[in-house]
Amino acid sequence: MRLIEKVWFKKHTAKYWLIPLLLPLTALFYLISAVRRLAFRFGLLKSYKIDAPVIVVGNISVGGNGKTPVVIYLVELAKTLGFKPGVISRGYGGKAEIYPYLLNENSTTQQAGDESILIYQRCDIPVVVGADRVANAQKLIEQGCNIVISDDGLQHYRLTRDLELVIVDAKRLFGNGFLLPAGPLREGRWRLKKADQIIYNGEHFPKNISLKHKSLLMTLAGSELTNITTGEKRAVVDFLQQWPCVNAIAGIGEPQRFFDTIKAFGFEVTKQQGFIDHKDYAIHDFTQFKTDLPLLMTEKDAVKCYAFAHENWWYLPVSAQFSAQDEQVLLQCVKNFTV
């Protein structure tokens, strides 16, 4: 974890001297973002409504909170209701030759970013990336999509949205509570009041939760491992019997979450290594691991390792899980749109 993230989430004593130094920049960030919101509110900056409902899955903080599994969940939900969904994304970490960029079977993480490739491969639907989300959404409509799901983009007010879902890490919550760069927040906690639903990613709701009437609880669950080189799938319980000791890596917003997950399955993790979110891997990043043990990673990591993966590298796909009651809430949210 980078020093600044340790400061944000109160895991380093540097917060006592670094935060005051960053507060002037935080004040400037607040001023700029507030003026921008007001400009959209009063029509000085224009928002655009497209000819399809738009669902934004975002957050008010930086870092991985579990947006991508929710996007995948909504894609599958929309399919069951007869929609033809598509996903738009910034494509963070990628640089395509032209934008908006429509993913295809030959697209790479260098072009589209890791999360976009993951969604495209998992869901087999149109995915478009680029900084202009309005243009991205229009591109999806050209592909025949009749509902647009935006992976992130809560603060992209140029694109009018019909449903806002805000994802919150139930453990880390909002860190030290400051806006960027002194803290991890893109917008203040007041923004939650404007969202349609707040989805907490964790085993339990945090204490003293506010806005309980529109808060849902999500867990991430996985039951099988997939080999990166062969595509072979093995149930975790079977894998554990053959290889109880493994190595592990994770380049996500909170790597420890992944390490805790595989340890909870019963694996003994001989060596683990966390990397920064969206880490662009190269083979030399893995020289520290002995090849006699399987190496486990997240699906988001795996999409960047196909070119040089070893035969004993595996990833754990996870899916968003909700209670029956919360599933009905999300189902009704999407059913409100007509096909």
Protein backbone atom coordinates (compact mmCIF):
# COMPACT_ATOMS: atom_id res chain seq x y z
CA MET A 1 0.00 0.00 0.00
CA ARG A 2 1.28 3.44 -0.94
CA LEU A 3 2.12 5.90 1.84
CA ILE A 4 -0.71 8.24 0.89
CA GLU A 5 -3.23 5.39 1.17
CA LYS A 6 -1.90 4.54 4.62
CA VAL A 7 -2.47 8.17 5.52
CA TRP A 8 -5.99 8.14 4.10
CA PHE A 9 -7.02 5.01 5.93
CA LYS A 10 -5.26 5.80 9.23
CA LYS A 11 -2.59 3.13 8.95
CA HIS A 12 0.47 5.35 9.26
CA THR A 13 1.63 7.93 11.80
CA ALA A 14 2.62 10.22 8.92
CA LYS A 15 -0.97 11.42 8.93
CA TYR A 16 -0.10 13.77 11.76
CA TRP A 17 2.23 15.86 9.62
CA LEU A 18 1.24 15.08 6.03
CA ILE A 19 -2.47 15.87 6.24
CA PRO A 20 -2.00 19.53 7.28
CA LEU A 21 0.39 20.01 4.35
CA LEU A 22 -2.26 18.68 1.94
CA LEU A 23 -5.25 20.59 3.31
CA PRO A 24 -4.70 23.68 1.10
CA LEU A 25 -4.87 21.43 -1.96
CA THR A 26 -7.97 19.79 -0.53
CA ALA A 27 -9.59 23.21 -0.16
CA LEU A 28 -8.76 23.96 -3.81
CA PHE A 29 -10.16 20.58 -4.89
CA TYR A 30 -13.37 21.30 -2.96
CA LEU A 31 -13.73 24.72 -4.56
CA ILE A 32 -13.20 23.44 -8.11
CA SER A 33 -15.55 20.47 -7.71
CA ALA A 34 -18.24 22.61 -6.06
CA VAL A 35 -18.11 25.22 -8.84
CA ARG A 36 -18.29 22.44 -11.42
CA ARG A 37 -21.38 20.90 -9.79
CA LEU A 38 -23.06 24.30 -9.65
CA ALA A 39 -22.25 24.89 -13.32
CA PHE A 40 -24.11 21.70 -14.24
CA ARG A 41 -26.96 22.53 -11.86
CA PHE A 42 -27.61 25.93 -13.41
CA GLY A 43 -27.01 24.87 -16.99
CA LEU A 44 -23.67 26.59 -17.53
CA LEU A 45 -22.31 23.15 -18.33
CA LYS A 46 -24.63 20.89 -20.28
CA SER A 47 -25.73 17.37 -19.39
CA TYR A 48 -26.83 14.98 -22.12
CA LYS A 49 -29.67 12.47 -22.03
CA ILE A 50 -29.26 9.45 -24.30
CA ASP A 51 -31.99 7.24 -25.76
CA ALA A 52 -31.56 4.48 -23.19
CA PRO A 53 -31.66 4.24 -19.41
CA VAL A 54 -28.29 4.74 -17.72
CA ILE A 55 -27.24 3.06 -14.48
CA VAL A 56 -24.16 4.48 -12.81
CA VAL A 57 -22.22 2.22 -10.44
CA GLY A 58 -19.76 4.48 -8.66
CA ASN A 59 -18.31 5.60 -5.38
CA ILE A 60 -17.36 8.76 -3.56
CA SER A 61 -13.85 7.56 -2.74
CA VAL A 62 -10.87 6.39 -4.74
CA GLY A 63 -9.71 2.80 -4.74
CA GLY A 64 -11.48 -0.50 -5.24
CA ASN A 65 -14.76 -0.80 -3.37
CA GLY A 66 -16.30 -3.61 -5.41
CA LYS A 67 -17.83 -1.76 -8.34
CA THR A 68 -16.92 -4.28 -11.03
CA PRO A 69 -18.73 -7.27 -9.43
CA VAL A 70 -21.83 -5.08 -9.08
CA VAL A 71 -21.59 -4.08 -12.76
CA ILE A 72 -21.39 -7.76 -13.74
CA TYR A 73 -24.34 -8.57 -11.47
CA LEU A 74 -26.43 -5.84 -13.10
CA VAL A 75 -25.49 -7.01 -16.59
CA GLU A 76 -26.76 -10.49 -15.85
CA LEU A 77 -29.85 -9.10 -14.13
CA ALA A 78 -30.64 -6.91 -17.12
CA LYS A 79 -30.27 -9.89 -19.46
CA THR A 80 -32.82 -11.90 -17.48
CA LEU A 81 -35.29 -9.02 -17.86
CA GLY A 82 -34.91 -8.98 -21.62
CA PHE A 83 -32.57 -6.02 -21.96
CA LYS A 84 -29.54 -5.83 -24.21
CA PRO A 85 -27.02 -4.27 -21.83
CA GLY A 86 -23.69 -2.65 -22.57
CA VAL A 87 -21.01 -1.24 -20.28
CA ILE A 88 -19.07 2.00 -20.48
CA SER A 89 -15.88 2.72 -18.58
CA ARG A 90 -13.02 5.18 -18.43
CA GLY A 91 -10.66 2.31 -19.26
CA TYR A 92 -8.22 3.33 -16.56
CA GLY A 93 -4.67 2.19 -17.29
CA GLY A 94 -5.29 1.69 -21.01
CA LYS A 95 -4.48 3.77 -24.06
CA ALA A 96 -6.40 2.93 -27.21
CA GLU A 97 -5.66 4.12 -30.72
CA ILE A 98 -9.05 5.83 -31.02
CA TYR A 99 -11.92 6.78 -28.70
CA PRO A 100 -14.60 5.82 -27.99
CA TYR A 101 -13.02 2.37 -28.16
CA LEU A 102 -15.25 -0.69 -28.61
CA LEU A 103 -13.63 -3.80 -27.18
CA ASN A 104 -13.21 -6.92 -29.29
CA GLU A 105 -11.72 -10.37 -28.77
CA ASN A 106 -8.23 -9.06 -29.51
CA SER A 107 -8.37 -6.11 -27.12
CA THR A 108 -5.64 -5.89 -24.49
CA THR A 109 -5.39 -4.32 -21.06
CA GLN A 110 -2.87 -1.89 -22.56
CA GLN A 111 -5.70 -0.60 -24.77
CA ALA A 112 -8.73 -0.83 -22.50
CA GLY A 113 -7.56 -1.29 -18.91
CA ASP A 114 -7.97 -4.34 -16.69
CA GLU A 115 -11.53 -3.93 -15.42
CA SER A 116 -12.99 -3.38 -18.89
CA ILE A 117 -11.29 -6.51 -20.23
CA LEU A 118 -12.54 -8.48 -17.24
CA ILE A 119 -16.16 -7.37 -17.83
CA TYR A 120 -15.95 -8.05 -21.56
CA GLN A 121 -14.57 -11.56 -21.08
CA ARG A 122 -16.94 -12.46 -18.26
CA CYS A 123 -20.18 -11.06 -19.73
CA ASP A 124 -19.68 -11.25 -23.52
CA ILE A 125 -21.48 -7.94 -24.15
CA PRO A 126 -20.46 -4.67 -25.83
CA VAL A 127 -18.02 -2.67 -23.70
CA VAL A 128 -16.84 0.80 -24.69
CA VAL A 129 -14.08 2.81 -23.01
CA GLY A 130 -13.03 6.44 -23.20
CA ALA A 131 -13.00 9.67 -21.23
CA ASP A 132 -16.20 10.97 -22.89
CA ARG A 133 -18.92 8.83 -21.35
CA VAL A 134 -21.64 10.46 -23.45
CA ALA A 135 -19.84 9.38 -26.63
CA ASN A 136 -19.24 5.95 -25.08
CA ALA A 137 -22.93 5.53 -24.36
CA GLN A 138 -23.91 6.62 -27.86
CA LYS A 139 -21.51 4.02 -29.23
CA LEU A 140 -23.32 1.32 -27.26
CA ILE A 141 -26.67 2.40 -28.67
CA GLU A 142 -25.17 2.01 -32.15
CA GLN A 143 -24.37 -1.59 -31.16
CA GLY A 144 -28.02 -2.27 -30.35
CA CYS A 145 -27.83 -1.88 -26.57
CA ASN A 146 -30.96 -0.59 -24.85
CA ILE A 147 -29.58 -0.11 -21.34
CA VAL A 148 -26.21 1.38 -20.38
CA ILE A 149 -24.31 0.46 -17.23
CA SER A 150 -21.50 2.81 -16.31
CA ASP A 151 -18.55 1.32 -14.43
CA ASP A 152 -17.68 4.32 -12.25
CA GLY A 153 -18.52 7.81 -13.49
CA LEU A 154 -20.54 9.03 -10.51
CA GLN A 155 -18.86 12.43 -10.86
CA HIS A 156 -19.21 12.52 -14.67
CA TYR A 157 -22.22 14.83 -14.71
CA ARG A 158 -22.24 15.35 -18.49
CA LEU A 159 -24.07 12.04 -18.78
CA THR A 160 -27.59 12.10 -17.35
CA ARG A 161 -28.29 9.01 -15.29
CA ASP A 162 -31.53 7.25 -14.36
CA LEU A 163 -30.22 5.22 -11.44
CA GLU A 164 -27.24 5.77 -9.14
CA LEU A 165 -25.73 2.98 -7.07
CA VAL A 166 -22.89 3.98 -4.74
CA ILE A 167 -20.55 1.23 -3.53
CA VAL A 168 -18.90 1.57 -0.11
CA ASP A 169 -16.23 -0.63 1.43
CA ALA A 170 -17.91 -1.63 4.72
CA LYS A 171 -14.54 -1.99 6.44
CA ARG A 172 -12.55 1.02 5.21
CA LEU A 173 -15.63 3.24 4.76
CA PHE A 174 -14.48 6.82 4.05
CA GLY A 175 -10.99 6.73 5.52
CA ASN A 176 -10.06 9.89 7.37
CA GLY A 177 -13.06 11.70 5.90
CA PHE A 178 -11.14 14.33 3.94
CA LEU A 179 -11.47 15.14 0.27
CA LEU A 180 -8.55 14.54 -2.09
CA PRO A 181 -5.61 14.73 -1.68
CA ALA A 182 -5.62 14.87 2.13
CA GLY A 183 -8.18 12.05 2.12
CA PRO A 184 -9.65 9.50 -0.28
CA LEU A 185 -12.96 11.23 -1.01
CA ARG A 186 -13.93 12.58 -4.43
CA GLU A 187 -17.09 14.05 -2.94
CA GLY A 188 -18.30 14.47 0.62
CA ARG A 189 -20.51 11.99 2.43
CA TRP A 190 -23.44 14.30 1.71
CA ARG A 191 -23.39 12.80 -1.80
CA LEU A 192 -24.82 9.52 -0.44
CA LYS A 193 -28.15 11.25 0.18
CA LYS A 194 -28.57 11.85 -3.55
CA ALA A 195 -27.86 8.24 -4.56
CA ASP A 196 -30.73 5.85 -5.22
CA GLN A 197 -29.11 2.95 -3.36
CA ILE A 198 -25.96 2.53 -1.26
CA ILE A 199 -24.33 -0.89 -1.46
CA TYR A 200 -21.97 -1.82 1.38
CA ASN A 201 -19.35 -4.39 0.44
CA GLY A 202 -18.66 -6.54 3.49
CA GLU A 203 -19.94 -9.23 5.82
CA HIS A 204 -21.87 -6.79 7.99
CA PHE A 205 -23.21 -3.26 7.88
CA PRO A 206 -20.96 -0.78 9.68
CA LYS A 207 -22.06 0.48 13.07
CA ASN A 208 -24.41 3.46 13.29
CA ILE A 209 -25.22 3.30 9.60
CA SER A 210 -27.12 6.26 8.20
CA LEU A 211 -29.62 6.13 5.32
CA LYS A 212 -30.53 2.58 6.33
CA HIS A 213 -33.72 2.76 4.26
CA LYS A 214 -31.72 2.69 1.03
CA SER A 215 -28.70 0.63 2.06
CA LEU A 216 -27.99 -2.86 0.74
CA LEU A 217 -25.37 -5.39 1.86
CA MET A 218 -23.19 -7.25 -0.63
CA THR A 219 -20.61 -9.96 -0.16
CA LEU A 220 -18.15 -11.24 -2.75
CA ALA A 221 -18.07 -15.01 -3.12
CA GLY A 222 -16.03 -17.44 -5.17
CA SER A 223 -16.03 -21.23 -5.12
CA GLU A 224 -13.64 -22.30 -7.86
CA LEU A 225 -10.21 -21.44 -9.21
CA THR A 226 -9.39 -21.04 -12.90
CA ASN A 227 -6.02 -21.80 -14.44
CA ILE A 228 -4.71 -18.82 -16.40
CA THR A 229 -2.94 -20.80 -19.12
CA THR A 230 -5.40 -23.65 -19.70
CA GLY A 231 -8.76 -22.34 -18.48
CA GLU A 232 -9.20 -25.44 -16.31
CA LYS A 233 -11.59 -24.91 -13.40
CA ARG A 234 -11.14 -26.56 -10.02
CA ALA A 235 -13.42 -26.34 -7.01
CA VAL A 236 -11.63 -24.64 -4.15
CA VAL A 237 -12.26 -27.59 -1.83
CA ASP A 238 -10.63 -29.98 -4.30
CA PHE A 239 -7.74 -27.63 -4.99
CA LEU A 240 -7.10 -27.25 -1.28
CA GLN A 241 -6.73 -30.99 -0.80
CA GLN A 242 -4.00 -31.20 -3.44
CA TRP A 243 -2.24 -27.87 -2.74
CA PRO A 244 -2.84 -26.65 0.81
CA CYS A 245 0.16 -24.30 0.57
CA VAL A 246 0.15 -21.52 -2.02
CA ASN A 247 1.63 -18.14 -2.85
CA ALA A 248 -0.61 -15.16 -3.57
CA ILE A 249 -0.57 -11.72 -5.14
CA ALA A 250 -3.19 -8.98 -5.46
CA GLY A 251 -3.10 -5.64 -7.24
CA ILE A 252 -6.46 -4.23 -6.15
CA GLY A 253 -7.66 -1.39 -3.96
CA GLU A 254 -7.37 -3.46 -0.78
CA PRO A 255 -5.08 -6.50 -1.37
CA GLN A 256 -5.52 -7.78 2.16
CA ARG A 257 -9.17 -8.50 1.40
CA PHE A 258 -8.08 -11.11 -1.17
CA PHE A 259 -5.44 -12.62 1.12
CA ASP A 260 -7.99 -12.93 3.94
CA THR A 261 -10.41 -14.62 1.55
CA ILE A 262 -8.05 -17.40 0.48
CA LYS A 263 -6.85 -17.91 4.06
CA ALA A 264 -10.47 -18.28 5.12
CA PHE A 265 -10.78 -21.15 2.63
CA GLY A 266 -8.03 -22.90 4.59
CA PHE A 267 -4.99 -22.21 2.42
CA GLU A 268 -1.63 -21.66 4.05
CA VAL A 269 -0.11 -18.70 2.24
CA THR A 270 3.64 -19.16 2.16
CA LYS A 271 4.32 -15.78 0.56
CA GLN A 272 2.00 -12.95 -0.35
CA GLN A 273 2.59 -9.67 -2.16
CA GLY A 274 0.23 -6.74 -2.53
CA PHE A 275 0.64 -4.34 -5.46
CA ILE A 276 -0.90 -0.99 -6.27
CA ASP A 277 -4.35 -1.00 -7.84
CA HIS A 278 -4.28 -1.47 -11.64
CA LYS A 279 -0.68 -2.67 -11.50
CA ASP A 280 0.69 -3.30 -15.00
CA TYR A 281 2.53 -6.56 -14.45
CA ALA A 282 5.70 -7.82 -16.08
CA ILE A 283 7.33 -11.21 -15.60
CA HIS A 284 10.04 -9.77 -13.33
CA ASP A 285 7.36 -8.90 -10.75
CA PHE A 286 7.06 -12.61 -10.00
CA THR A 287 10.68 -13.72 -9.66
CA GLN A 288 10.32 -13.68 -5.87
CA PHE A 289 7.91 -16.64 -5.96
CA LYS A 290 9.09 -20.24 -6.08
CA THR A 291 7.57 -22.09 -9.00
CA ASP A 292 6.92 -25.28 -7.01
CA LEU A 293 3.84 -23.74 -5.38
CA PRO A 294 0.67 -22.54 -7.11
CA LEU A 295 0.30 -18.77 -7.36
CA LEU A 296 -3.19 -17.47 -6.67
CA MET A 297 -4.46 -14.05 -7.73
CA THR A 298 -7.63 -12.12 -8.45
CA GLU A 299 -9.37 -12.20 -11.83
CA LYS A 300 -8.44 -8.55 -12.28
CA ASP A 301 -4.77 -9.49 -11.92
CA ALA A 302 -5.08 -12.47 -14.22
CA VAL A 303 -6.22 -10.50 -17.29
CA LYS A 304 -2.81 -8.80 -17.27
CA CYS A 305 -0.79 -12.01 -16.98
CA TYR A 306 -1.93 -14.18 -19.90
CA ALA A 307 1.18 -13.44 -22.00
CA PHE A 308 3.67 -14.82 -19.46
CA ALA A 309 1.70 -16.91 -16.95
CA HIS A 310 3.13 -20.16 -15.66
CA GLU A 311 1.17 -23.40 -15.71
CA ASN A 312 0.48 -23.26 -11.96
CA TRP A 313 -0.96 -19.73 -11.86
CA TRP A 314 -4.65 -19.59 -10.92
CA TYR A 315 -7.22 -16.88 -10.29
CA LEU A 316 -10.35 -16.73 -8.16
CA PRO A 317 -13.41 -15.27 -9.92
CA VAL A 318 -15.83 -13.68 -7.45
CA SER A 319 -19.46 -12.66 -7.83
CA ALA A 320 -21.66 -10.22 -5.96
CA GLN A 321 -24.07 -11.90 -3.54
CA PHE A 322 -27.14 -10.25 -1.99
CA SER A 323 -29.89 -11.37 0.36
CA ALA A 324 -33.19 -12.29 -1.25
CA GLN A 325 -34.68 -9.03 0.01
CA ASP A 326 -31.88 -6.90 -1.44
CA GLU A 327 -32.02 -8.82 -4.73
CA GLN A 328 -35.66 -7.82 -5.04
CA VAL A 329 -34.75 -4.18 -4.47
CA LEU A 330 -32.23 -4.24 -7.31
CA LEU A 331 -34.58 -6.25 -9.51
CA GLN A 332 -37.31 -3.65 -9.07
CA CYS A 333 -34.86 -0.82 -9.79
CA VAL A 334 -34.06 -2.32 -13.19
CA LYS A 335 -37.61 -3.46 -13.94
CA ASN A 336 -38.73 0.15 -13.67
CA PHE A 337 -37.11 0.71 -17.07
CA THR A 338 -39.13 -0.50 -20.04
CA VAL A 339 -37.50 -2.69 -22.66
